Amino acid sequence: MSTRPASCTATGSARRIVIAALGVTQILAWGSSYYLLAVLGTPIAAETGWPLSIVVGGLSLGPTGWRSGVARHRADD
């Protein structure tokens, strides 16, 4: 006997649709995150005066955590 309410159960085909939809949205989200900087990198570099290599390299340094944020904050002061 199942302890789940009837409204929480899903058939196999419904699960496949949900999983496929979530997969597509993840692909679009990650793709737009990484490729957006390729499109906007040059305008960002032109407006801030930073070299393009620093702007694009920030995508690699961003996940390093709070140390990059502290260094960036000190550079702005």
Protein backbone atom coordinates (compact mmCIF):
# COMPACT_ATOMS: atom_id res chain seq x y z
CA MET A 1 0.00 0.00 0.00
CA SER A 2 1.37 3.40 -0.99
CA THR A 3 1.54 6.20 1.56
CA ARG A 4 1.64 8.94 -1.08
CA PRO A 5 -1.49 10.85 -1.97
CA ALA A 6 -2.96 10.03 -5.36
CA SER A 7 -2.13 13.52 -6.63
CA CYS A 8 1.63 12.90 -6.10
CA THR A 9 1.89 9.79 -8.21
CA ALA A 10 2.99 10.13 -11.81
CA THR A 11 3.01 7.68 -14.64
CA GLY A 12 6.20 6.75 -16.43
CA SER A 13 5.41 8.90 -19.46
CA ALA A 14 4.61 11.94 -17.29
CA ARG A 15 7.95 11.55 -15.50
CA ARG A 16 9.77 11.36 -18.82
CA ILE A 17 8.15 14.59 -19.96
CA VAL A 18 9.07 16.38 -16.74
CA ILE A 19 12.66 15.11 -16.82
CA ALA A 20 13.03 16.07 -20.49
CA ALA A 21 11.65 19.56 -19.82
CA LEU A 22 14.01 20.04 -16.88
CA GLY A 23 16.93 18.82 -19.00
CA VAL A 24 16.15 21.27 -21.80
CA THR A 25 15.83 24.19 -19.38
CA GLN A 26 19.17 23.28 -17.76
CA ILE A 27 20.88 23.17 -21.15
CA LEU A 28 19.44 26.56 -22.09
CA ALA A 29 20.34 28.09 -18.73
CA TRP A 30 23.94 26.89 -18.74
CA GLY A 31 24.38 27.78 -22.40
CA SER A 32 23.09 31.29 -21.92
CA SER A 33 25.28 31.75 -18.85
CA TYR A 34 28.50 30.86 -20.64
CA TYR A 35 27.83 32.26 -24.09
CA LEU A 36 26.36 35.53 -22.85
CA LEU A 37 29.81 36.74 -21.83
CA ALA A 38 31.14 35.94 -25.30
CA VAL A 39 28.56 38.33 -26.73
CA LEU A 40 28.81 41.04 -24.07
CA GLY A 41 32.52 40.77 -23.21
CA THR A 42 33.70 43.41 -25.69
CA PRO A 43 31.11 46.04 -24.68
CA ILE A 44 31.85 45.41 -20.99
CA ALA A 45 35.58 45.82 -21.59
CA ALA A 46 35.02 49.01 -23.58
CA GLU A 47 32.76 50.56 -20.93
CA THR A 48 34.88 49.64 -17.91
CA GLY A 49 38.29 50.11 -19.52
CA TRP A 50 39.36 46.63 -18.42
CA PRO A 51 41.25 44.36 -20.82
CA LEU A 52 39.05 41.79 -22.54
CA SER A 53 41.18 38.99 -21.08
CA ILE A 54 40.33 40.16 -17.56
CA VAL A 55 36.63 40.41 -18.33
CA VAL A 56 36.49 36.92 -19.85
CA GLY A 57 38.88 35.51 -17.24
CA GLY A 58 36.47 36.65 -14.55
CA LEU A 59 34.17 33.81 -15.56
CA SER A 60 36.89 31.37 -14.53
CA LEU A 61 37.78 33.23 -11.36
CA GLY A 62 34.19 33.84 -10.25
CA PRO A 63 33.64 30.39 -8.75
CA THR A 64 36.82 30.65 -6.65
CA GLY A 65 34.80 32.22 -3.89
CA TRP A 66 35.13 35.19 -1.59
CA ARG A 67 38.83 35.83 -2.28
CA SER A 68 38.15 37.08 -5.78
CA GLY A 69 35.37 39.30 -4.43
CA VAL A 70 37.68 40.80 -1.81
CA ALA A 71 40.38 41.46 -4.41
CA ARG A 72 37.86 43.04 -6.77
CA HIS A 73 36.52 45.23 -3.97
CA ARG A 74 40.02 46.41 -3.07
CA ALA A 75 40.74 47.21 -6.72
CA ASP A 76 37.63 49.39 -6.88
CA ASP A 77 38.69 51.47 -3.85
